[in-house]
Amino acid sequence: MKSFSVSPGAVKTDFVLGLMDHDPVLGQSRFIDTPGLSAWTQVRLTSGTEDWLSGRFVESGWDLDEIQIYKQSILETNSLKNRLAMPSF
């Protein structure tokens, strides 16, 4: 089973458009990612080429080819791991 924690990036949503009414500079400088960026990141993650990232945090804006360069270091240091405490029942 694969599990990824994916940040969609800074997507200009309806909520953000409401914020931009109050501060237009905020939205134009920060909210530049498209929903398609997150979608393509998730397609690639489910393709199997990045299975080694399962259980880890991934930002949609990252170049996954470049992240591959750091694979050994990420695995050795156990970086980007999700560390949410699960409730005990």
PDB file of N, CA and C in Angstrom:
ATOM      1  N   MET A   1       0.838  -1.177   0.000  1.00  0.00           N
ATOM      2  CA  MET A   1       0.000   0.000   0.000  1.00  0.00           C
ATOM      3  C   MET A   1       0.884   1.241   0.000  1.00  0.00           C
ATOM      4  N   LYS A   2       0.513   2.213  -0.814  1.00  0.00           N
ATOM      5  CA  LYS A   2       1.232   3.486  -0.884  1.00  0.00           C
ATOM      6  C   LYS A   2       0.434   4.558  -0.157  1.00  0.00           C
ATOM      7  N   SER A   3       1.158   5.467   0.466  1.00  0.00           N
ATOM      8  CA  SER A   3       0.511   6.584   1.137  1.00  0.00           C
ATOM      9  C   SER A   3       1.439   7.794   1.051  1.00  0.00           C
ATOM     10  N   PHE A   4       0.926   8.892   0.515  1.00  0.00           N
ATOM     11  CA  PHE A   4       1.713  10.109   0.374  1.00  0.00           C
ATOM     12  C   PHE A   4       0.963  11.264   1.017  1.00  0.00           C
ATOM     13  N   SER A   5       1.685  12.153   1.627  1.00  0.00           N
ATOM     14  CA  SER A   5       1.118  13.390   2.133  1.00  0.00           C
ATOM     15  C   SER A   5       1.509  14.477   1.134  1.00  0.00           C
ATOM     16  N   VAL A   6       0.537  14.953   0.361  1.00  0.00           N
ATOM     17  CA  VAL A   6       0.837  15.858  -0.744  1.00  0.00           C
ATOM     18  C   VAL A   6       0.275  17.249  -0.474  1.00  0.00           C
ATOM     19  N   SER A   7       1.138  18.235  -0.542  1.00  0.00           N
ATOM     20  CA  SER A   7       0.691  19.620  -0.481  1.00  0.00           C
ATOM     21  C   SER A   7       0.379  20.063  -1.905  1.00  0.00           C
ATOM     22  N   PRO A   8      -0.803  20.611  -2.150  1.00  0.00           N
ATOM     23  CA  PRO A   8      -1.165  20.998  -3.509  1.00  0.00           C
ATOM     24  C   PRO A   8      -0.434  22.247  -3.997  1.00  0.00           C
ATOM     25  N   GLY A   9       0.271  22.917  -3.123  1.00  0.00           N
ATOM     26  CA  GLY A   9       0.936  24.164  -3.498  1.00  0.00           C
ATOM     27  C   GLY A   9       0.046  25.350  -3.182  1.00  0.00           C
ATOM     28  N   ALA A  10       0.410  26.482  -3.711  1.00  0.00           N
ATOM     29  CA  ALA A  10      -0.331  27.721  -3.470  1.00  0.00           C
ATOM     30  C   ALA A  10      -1.280  27.956  -4.645  1.00  0.00           C
ATOM     31  N   VAL A  11      -2.438  27.306  -4.571  1.00  0.00           N
ATOM     32  CA  VAL A  11      -3.414  27.342  -5.661  1.00  0.00           C
ATOM     33  C   VAL A  11      -4.390  28.490  -5.443  1.00  0.00           C
ATOM     34  N   LYS A  12      -4.660  29.215  -6.511  1.00  0.00           N
ATOM     35  CA  LYS A  12      -5.597  30.338  -6.452  1.00  0.00           C
ATOM     36  C   LYS A  12      -7.021  29.787  -6.456  1.00  0.00           C
ATOM     37  N   THR A  13      -7.608  29.615  -5.277  1.00  0.00           N
ATOM     38  CA  THR A  13      -8.964  29.089  -5.116  1.00  0.00           C
ATOM     39  C   THR A  13      -9.956  30.228  -4.911  1.00  0.00           C
ATOM     40  N   ASP A  14     -11.225  29.900  -4.804  1.00  0.00           N
ATOM     41  CA  ASP A  14     -12.237  30.925  -4.525  1.00  0.00           C
ATOM     42  C   ASP A  14     -11.949  31.623  -3.202  1.00  0.00           C
ATOM     43  N   PHE A  15     -11.480  30.860  -2.215  1.00  0.00           N
ATOM     44  CA  PHE A  15     -11.146  31.449  -0.923  1.00  0.00           C
ATOM     45  C   PHE A  15     -10.043  32.488  -1.087  1.00  0.00           C
ATOM     46  N   VAL A  16      -9.034  32.144  -1.841  1.00  0.00           N
ATOM     47  CA  VAL A  16      -7.911  33.057  -2.071  1.00  0.00           C
ATOM     48  C   VAL A  16      -8.369  34.292  -2.830  1.00  0.00           C
ATOM     49  N   LEU A  17      -9.264  34.103  -3.798  1.00  0.00           N
ATOM     50  CA  LEU A  17      -9.781  35.254  -4.545  1.00  0.00           C
ATOM     51  C   LEU A  17     -10.464  36.239  -3.603  1.00  0.00           C
ATOM     52  N   GLY A  18     -11.142  35.708  -2.570  1.00  0.00           N
ATOM     53  CA  GLY A  18     -11.754  36.575  -1.563  1.00  0.00           C
ATOM     54  C   GLY A  18     -10.710  37.351  -0.780  1.00  0.00           C
ATOM     55  N   LEU A  19      -9.609  36.713  -0.463  1.00  0.00           N
ATOM     56  CA  LEU A  19      -8.512  37.385   0.233  1.00  0.00           C
ATOM     57  C   LEU A  19      -7.902  38.478  -0.636  1.00  0.00           C
ATOM     58  N   MET A  20      -7.830  38.198  -1.931  1.00  0.00           N
ATOM     59  CA  MET A  20      -7.222  39.151  -2.855  1.00  0.00           C
ATOM     60  C   MET A  20      -8.032  40.436  -2.956  1.00  0.00           C
ATOM     61  N   ASP A  21      -9.334  40.361  -2.647  1.00  0.00           N
ATOM     62  CA  ASP A  21     -10.144  41.581  -2.627  1.00  0.00           C
ATOM     63  C   ASP A  21      -9.615  42.555  -1.588  1.00  0.00           C
ATOM     64  N   HIS A  22      -9.039  41.993  -0.500  1.00  0.00           N
ATOM     65  CA  HIS A  22      -8.519  42.825   0.580  1.00  0.00           C
ATOM     66  C   HIS A  22      -7.036  43.143   0.401  1.00  0.00           C
ATOM     67  N   ASP A  23      -6.306  42.261  -0.258  1.00  0.00           N
ATOM     68  CA  ASP A  23      -4.866  42.438  -0.446  1.00  0.00           C
ATOM     69  C   ASP A  23      -4.453  41.825  -1.779  1.00  0.00           C
ATOM     70  N   PRO A  24      -4.628  42.561  -2.881  1.00  0.00           N
ATOM     71  CA  PRO A  24      -4.354  42.004  -4.205  1.00  0.00           C
ATOM     72  C   PRO A  24      -2.904  41.563  -4.397  1.00  0.00           C
ATOM     73  N   VAL A  25      -1.984  42.209  -3.758  1.00  0.00           N
ATOM     74  CA  VAL A  25      -0.568  41.854  -3.906  1.00  0.00           C
ATOM     75  C   VAL A  25      -0.307  40.468  -3.338  1.00  0.00           C
ATOM     76  N   LEU A  26      -0.968  40.127  -2.244  1.00  0.00           N
ATOM     77  CA  LEU A  26      -0.796  38.816  -1.615  1.00  0.00           C
ATOM     78  C   LEU A  26      -1.069  37.699  -2.614  1.00  0.00           C
ATOM     79  N   GLY A  27      -2.181  37.748  -3.275  1.00  0.00           N
ATOM     80  CA  GLY A  27      -2.557  36.681  -4.192  1.00  0.00           C
ATOM     81  C   GLY A  27      -1.693  36.615  -5.440  1.00  0.00           C
ATOM     82  N   GLN A  28      -1.304  37.747  -5.955  1.00  0.00           N
ATOM     83  CA  GLN A  28      -0.527  37.747  -7.181  1.00  0.00           C
ATOM     84  C   GLN A  28       0.892  37.270  -6.959  1.00  0.00           C
ATOM     85  N   SER A  29       1.428  37.476  -5.790  1.00  0.00           N
ATOM     86  CA  SER A  29       2.823  37.104  -5.548  1.00  0.00           C
ATOM     87  C   SER A  29       2.973  35.692  -5.004  1.00  0.00           C
ATOM     88  N   ARG A  30       1.941  35.151  -4.397  1.00  0.00           N
ATOM     89  CA  ARG A  30       2.082  33.852  -3.740  1.00  0.00           C
ATOM     90  C   ARG A  30       1.240  32.733  -4.332  1.00  0.00           C
ATOM     91  N   PHE A  31       0.053  33.020  -4.730  1.00  0.00           N
ATOM     92  CA  PHE A  31      -0.866  31.974  -5.184  1.00  0.00           C
ATOM     93  C   PHE A  31      -0.781  31.834  -6.701  1.00  0.00           C
ATOM     94  N   ILE A  32       0.239  31.102  -7.134  1.00  0.00           N
ATOM     95  CA  ILE A  32       0.540  31.025  -8.559  1.00  0.00           C
ATOM     96  C   ILE A  32       0.415  29.607  -9.119  1.00  0.00           C
ATOM     97  N   ASP A  33       0.224  28.598  -8.266  1.00  0.00           N
ATOM     98  CA  ASP A  33       0.146  27.212  -8.733  1.00  0.00           C
ATOM     99  C   ASP A  33      -1.245  26.911  -9.279  1.00  0.00           C
ATOM    100  N   THR A  34      -1.306  25.966 -10.198  1.00  0.00           N
ATOM    101  CA  THR A  34      -2.586  25.564 -10.782  1.00  0.00           C
ATOM    102  C   THR A  34      -3.030  24.236 -10.171  1.00  0.00           C
ATOM    103  N   PRO A  35      -4.325  23.940 -10.202  1.00  0.00           N
ATOM    104  CA  PRO A  35      -4.785  22.641  -9.721  1.00  0.00           C
ATOM    105  C   PRO A  35      -4.148  21.491 -10.510  1.00  0.00           C
ATOM    106  N   GLY A  36      -3.816  21.726 -11.767  1.00  0.00           N
ATOM    107  CA  GLY A  36      -3.201  20.697 -12.594  1.00  0.00           C
ATOM    108  C   GLY A  36      -1.838  20.267 -12.082  1.00  0.00           C
ATOM    109  N   LEU A  37      -1.109  21.170 -11.447  1.00  0.00           N
ATOM    110  CA  LEU A  37       0.200  20.825 -10.901  1.00  0.00           C
ATOM    111  C   LEU A  37       0.066  19.732  -9.854  1.00  0.00           C
ATOM    112  N   SER A  38      -0.874  19.884  -8.947  1.00  0.00           N
ATOM    113  CA  SER A  38      -1.113  18.869  -7.921  1.00  0.00           C
ATOM    114  C   SER A  38      -1.601  17.566  -8.550  1.00  0.00           C
ATOM    115  N   ALA A  39      -2.468  17.678  -9.534  1.00  0.00           N
ATOM    116  CA  ALA A  39      -3.000  16.479 -10.190  1.00  0.00           C
ATOM    117  C   ALA A  39      -1.880  15.683 -10.851  1.00  0.00           C
ATOM    118  N   TRP A  40      -1.006  16.353 -11.585  1.00  0.00           N
ATOM    119  CA  TRP A  40       0.085  15.641 -12.252  1.00  0.00           C
ATOM    120  C   TRP A  40       1.078  15.061 -11.256  1.00  0.00           C
ATOM    121  N   THR A  41       1.300  15.765 -10.143  1.00  0.00           N
ATOM    122  CA  THR A  41       2.177  15.224  -9.100  1.00  0.00           C
ATOM    123  C   THR A  41       1.594  13.923  -8.569  1.00  0.00           C
ATOM    124  N   GLN A  42       0.294  13.905  -8.333  1.00  0.00           N
ATOM    125  CA  GLN A  42      -0.341  12.692  -7.802  1.00  0.00           C
ATOM    126  C   GLN A  42      -0.357  11.562  -8.826  1.00  0.00           C
ATOM    127  N   VAL A  43      -0.526  11.890 -10.091  1.00  0.00           N
ATOM    128  CA  VAL A  43      -0.451  10.862 -11.132  1.00  0.00           C
ATOM    129  C   VAL A  43       0.938  10.233 -11.125  1.00  0.00           C
ATOM    130  N   ARG A  44       1.955  11.064 -11.052  1.00  0.00           N
ATOM    131  CA  ARG A  44       3.317  10.528 -11.055  1.00  0.00           C
ATOM    132  C   ARG A  44       3.580   9.687  -9.812  1.00  0.00           C
ATOM    133  N   LEU A  45       3.105  10.146  -8.656  1.00  0.00           N
ATOM    134  CA  LEU A  45       3.330   9.379  -7.420  1.00  0.00           C
ATOM    135  C   LEU A  45       2.665   8.009  -7.484  1.00  0.00           C
ATOM    136  N   THR A  46       1.537   7.914  -8.159  1.00  0.00           N
ATOM    137  CA  THR A  46       0.849   6.623  -8.238  1.00  0.00           C
ATOM    138  C   THR A  46       1.360   5.749  -9.382  1.00  0.00           C
ATOM    139  N   SER A  47       2.258   6.287 -10.196  1.00  0.00           N
ATOM    140  CA  SER A  47       2.791   5.511 -11.319  1.00  0.00           C
ATOM    141  C   SER A  47       3.772   4.435 -10.870  1.00  0.00           C
ATOM    142  N   GLY A  48       4.307   4.563  -9.662  1.00  0.00           N
ATOM    143  CA  GLY A  48       5.243   3.575  -9.146  1.00  0.00           C
ATOM    144  C   GLY A  48       6.693   4.017  -9.178  1.00  0.00           C
ATOM    145  N   THR A  49       7.000   5.065  -9.929  1.00  0.00           N
ATOM    146  CA  THR A  49       8.395   5.488 -10.032  1.00  0.00           C
ATOM    147  C   THR A  49       8.921   6.121  -8.745  1.00  0.00           C
ATOM    148  N   GLU A  50       8.033   6.620  -7.919  1.00  0.00           N
ATOM    149  CA  GLU A  50       8.445   7.242  -6.658  1.00  0.00           C
ATOM    150  C   GLU A  50       7.895   6.488  -5.445  1.00  0.00           C
ATOM    151  N   ASP A  51       7.743   5.189  -5.564  1.00  0.00           N
ATOM    152  CA  ASP A  51       7.236   4.411  -4.422  1.00  0.00           C
ATOM    153  C   ASP A  51       8.103   4.589  -3.176  1.00  0.00           C
ATOM    154  N   TRP A  52       9.359   4.890  -3.351  1.00  0.00           N
ATOM    155  CA  TRP A  52      10.259   5.078  -2.209  1.00  0.00           C
ATOM    156  C   TRP A  52       9.850   6.300  -1.379  1.00  0.00           C
ATOM    157  N   LEU A  53       9.010   7.178  -1.922  1.00  0.00           N
ATOM    158  CA  LEU A  53       8.508   8.331  -1.175  1.00  0.00           C
ATOM    159  C   LEU A  53       7.235   8.016  -0.387  1.00  0.00           C
ATOM    160  N   SER A  54       6.742   6.799  -0.471  1.00  0.00           N
ATOM    161  CA  SER A  54       5.539   6.424   0.264  1.00  0.00           C
ATOM    162  C   SER A  54       5.761   6.646   1.761  1.00  0.00           C
ATOM    163  N   GLY A  55       4.761   7.232   2.414  1.00  0.00           N
ATOM    164  CA  GLY A  55       4.870   7.535   3.832  1.00  0.00           C
ATOM    165  C   GLY A  55       5.567   8.857   4.108  1.00  0.00           C
ATOM    166  N   ARG A  56       5.811   9.626   3.063  1.00  0.00           N
ATOM    167  CA  ARG A  56       6.536  10.880   3.205  1.00  0.00           C
ATOM    168  C   ARG A  56       5.731  12.060   2.663  1.00  0.00           C
ATOM    169  N   PHE A  57       6.176  13.257   3.021  1.00  0.00           N
ATOM    170  CA  PHE A  57       5.590  14.513   2.559  1.00  0.00           C
ATOM    171  C   PHE A  57       6.159  14.861   1.189  1.00  0.00           C
ATOM    172  N   VAL A  58       5.292  15.308   0.289  1.00  0.00           N
ATOM    173  CA  VAL A  58       5.704  15.738  -1.038  1.00  0.00           C
ATOM    174  C   VAL A  58       4.998  17.056  -1.355  1.00  0.00           C
ATOM    175  N   GLU A  59       5.744  18.020  -1.833  1.00  0.00           N
ATOM    176  CA  GLU A  59       5.190  19.307  -2.257  1.00  0.00           C
ATOM    177  C   GLU A  59       4.989  19.251  -3.770  1.00  0.00           C
ATOM    178  N   SER A  60       3.806  19.613  -4.238  1.00  0.00           N
ATOM    179  CA  SER A  60       3.504  19.535  -5.672  1.00  0.00           C
ATOM    180  C   SER A  60       4.461  20.361  -6.527  1.00  0.00           C
ATOM    181  N   GLY A  61       5.012  21.393  -5.965  1.00  0.00           N
ATOM    182  CA  GLY A  61       5.917  22.252  -6.722  1.00  0.00           C
ATOM    183  C   GLY A  61       7.323  21.702  -6.867  1.00  0.00           C
ATOM    184  N   TRP A  62       7.617  20.606  -6.191  1.00  0.00           N
ATOM    185  CA  TRP A  62       8.951  20.028  -6.298  1.00  0.00           C
ATOM    186  C   TRP A  62       9.136  19.351  -7.644  1.00  0.00           C
ATOM    187  N   ASP A  63      10.332  19.421  -8.161  1.00  0.00           N
ATOM    188  CA  ASP A  63      10.713  18.685  -9.364  1.00  0.00           C
ATOM    189  C   ASP A  63      11.075  17.271  -8.913  1.00  0.00           C
ATOM    190  N   LEU A  64      10.220  16.309  -9.188  1.00  0.00           N
ATOM    191  CA  LEU A  64      10.445  14.945  -8.693  1.00  0.00           C
ATOM    192  C   LEU A  64      11.672  14.291  -9.309  1.00  0.00           C
ATOM    193  N   ASP A  65      12.069  14.732 -10.498  1.00  0.00           N
ATOM    194  CA  ASP A  65      13.331  14.237 -11.058  1.00  0.00           C
ATOM    195  C   ASP A  65      14.510  14.719 -10.213  1.00  0.00           C
ATOM    196  N   GLU A  66      14.438  15.944  -9.745  1.00  0.00           N
ATOM    197  CA  GLU A  66      15.500  16.490  -8.901  1.00  0.00           C
ATOM    198  C   GLU A  66      15.499  15.823  -7.526  1.00  0.00           C
ATOM    199  N   ILE A  67      14.323  15.557  -6.976  1.00  0.00           N
ATOM    200  CA  ILE A  67      14.232  14.885  -5.679  1.00  0.00           C
ATOM    201  C   ILE A  67      14.896  13.518  -5.747  1.00  0.00           C
ATOM    202  N   GLN A  68      14.840  12.878  -6.891  1.00  0.00           N
ATOM    203  CA  GLN A  68      15.474  11.572  -7.088  1.00  0.00           C
ATOM    204  C   GLN A  68      16.970  11.639  -6.782  1.00  0.00           C
ATOM    205  N   ILE A  69      17.589  12.777  -7.062  1.00  0.00           N
ATOM    206  CA  ILE A  69      19.018  12.963  -6.780  1.00  0.00           C
ATOM    207  C   ILE A  69      19.294  12.805  -5.287  1.00  0.00           C
ATOM    208  N   TYR A  70      18.328  13.179  -4.452  1.00  0.00           N
ATOM    209  CA  TYR A  70      18.492  13.148  -2.998  1.00  0.00           C
ATOM    210  C   TYR A  70      17.932  11.884  -2.363  1.00  0.00           C
ATOM    211  N   LYS A  71      17.530  10.931  -3.168  1.00  0.00           N
ATOM    212  CA  LYS A  71      16.878   9.719  -2.671  1.00  0.00           C
ATOM    213  C   LYS A  71      17.681   9.039  -1.569  1.00  0.00           C
ATOM    214  N   GLN A  72      18.940   8.769  -1.808  1.00  0.00           N
ATOM    215  CA  GLN A  72      19.753   8.049  -0.829  1.00  0.00           C
ATOM    216  C   GLN A  72      19.822   8.802   0.495  1.00  0.00           C
ATOM    217  N   SER A  73      20.039  10.093   0.435  1.00  0.00           N
ATOM    218  CA  SER A  73      20.116  10.911   1.647  1.00  0.00           C
ATOM    219  C   SER A  73      18.773  10.935   2.385  1.00  0.00           C
ATOM    220  N   ILE A  74      17.685  11.065   1.647  1.00  0.00           N
ATOM    221  CA  ILE A  74      16.350  11.086   2.257  1.00  0.00           C
ATOM    222  C   ILE A  74      16.080   9.768   2.975  1.00  0.00           C
ATOM    223  N   LEU A  75      16.425   8.653   2.315  1.00  0.00           N
ATOM    224  CA  LEU A  75      16.192   7.343   2.922  1.00  0.00           C
ATOM    225  C   LEU A  75      17.107   7.105   4.130  1.00  0.00           C
ATOM    226  N   GLU A  76      18.374   7.493   4.027  1.00  0.00           N
ATOM    227  CA  GLU A  76      19.319   7.274   5.126  1.00  0.00           C
ATOM    228  C   GLU A  76      18.962   8.086   6.369  1.00  0.00           C
ATOM    229  N   THR A  77      18.481   9.310   6.168  1.00  0.00           N
ATOM    230  CA  THR A  77      18.146  10.184   7.305  1.00  0.00           C
ATOM    231  C   THR A  77      16.675  10.095   7.685  1.00  0.00           C
ATOM    232  N   ASN A  78      15.930   9.263   6.955  1.00  0.00           N
ATOM    233  CA  ASN A  78      14.493   9.089   7.207  1.00  0.00           C
ATOM    234  C   ASN A  78      13.759  10.425   7.135  1.00  0.00           C
ATOM    235  N   SER A  79      14.145  11.246   6.178  1.00  0.00           N
ATOM    236  CA  SER A  79      13.574  12.581   6.019  1.00  0.00           C
ATOM    237  C   SER A  79      12.192  12.534   5.383  1.00  0.00           C
ATOM    238  N   LEU A  80      11.462  13.613   5.573  1.00  0.00           N
ATOM    239  CA  LEU A  80      10.137  13.832   4.984  1.00  0.00           C
ATOM    240  C   LEU A  80       9.081  12.853   5.475  1.00  0.00           C
ATOM    241  N   LYS A  81       9.365  12.109   6.532  1.00  0.00           N
ATOM    242  CA  LYS A  81       8.410  11.120   7.054  1.00  0.00           C
ATOM    243  C   LYS A  81       7.229  11.804   7.714  1.00  0.00           C
ATOM    244  N   ASN A  82       6.052  11.224   7.518  1.00  0.00           N
ATOM    245  CA  ASN A  82       4.862  11.671   8.235  1.00  0.00           C
ATOM    246  C   ASN A  82       4.950  11.132   9.648  1.00  0.00           C
ATOM    247  N   ARG A  83       4.786  11.995  10.618  1.00  0.00           N
ATOM    248  CA  ARG A  83       4.918  11.555  11.997  1.00  0.00           C
ATOM    249  C   ARG A  83       3.682  11.939  12.819  1.00  0.00           C
ATOM    250  N   LEU A  84       2.538  11.623  12.289  1.00  0.00           N
ATOM    251  CA  LEU A  84       1.301  11.908  13.002  1.00  0.00           C
ATOM    252  C   LEU A  84       1.068  10.817  14.049  1.00  0.00           C
ATOM    253  N   ALA A  85       0.696  11.231  15.207  1.00  0.00           N
ATOM    254  CA  ALA A  85       0.398  10.253  16.263  1.00  0.00           C
ATOM    255  C   ALA A  85      -0.980   9.670  16.014  1.00  0.00           C
ATOM    256  N   MET A  86      -1.043   8.380  16.020  1.00  0.00           N
ATOM    257  CA  MET A  86      -2.326   7.699  15.846  1.00  0.00           C
ATOM    258  C   MET A  86      -2.976   7.505  17.209  1.00  0.00           C
ATOM    259  N   PRO A  87      -4.278   7.717  17.295  1.00  0.00           N
ATOM    260  CA  PRO A  87      -4.942   7.527  18.581  1.00  0.00           C
ATOM    261  C   PRO A  87      -4.954   6.034  18.963  1.00  0.00           C
ATOM    262  N   SER A  88      -4.842   5.790  20.224  1.00  0.00           N
ATOM    263  CA  SER A  88      -4.922   4.395  20.688  1.00  0.00           C
ATOM    264  C   SER A  88      -6.343   4.122  21.148  1.00  0.00           C
ATOM    265  N   PHE A  89      -6.874   2.997  20.746  1.00  0.00           N
ATOM    266  CA  PHE A  89      -8.255   2.635  21.098  1.00  0.00           C
ATOM    267  C   PHE A  89      -8.264   1.541  22.121  1.00  0.00           C
TER     268      PHE A  89
END
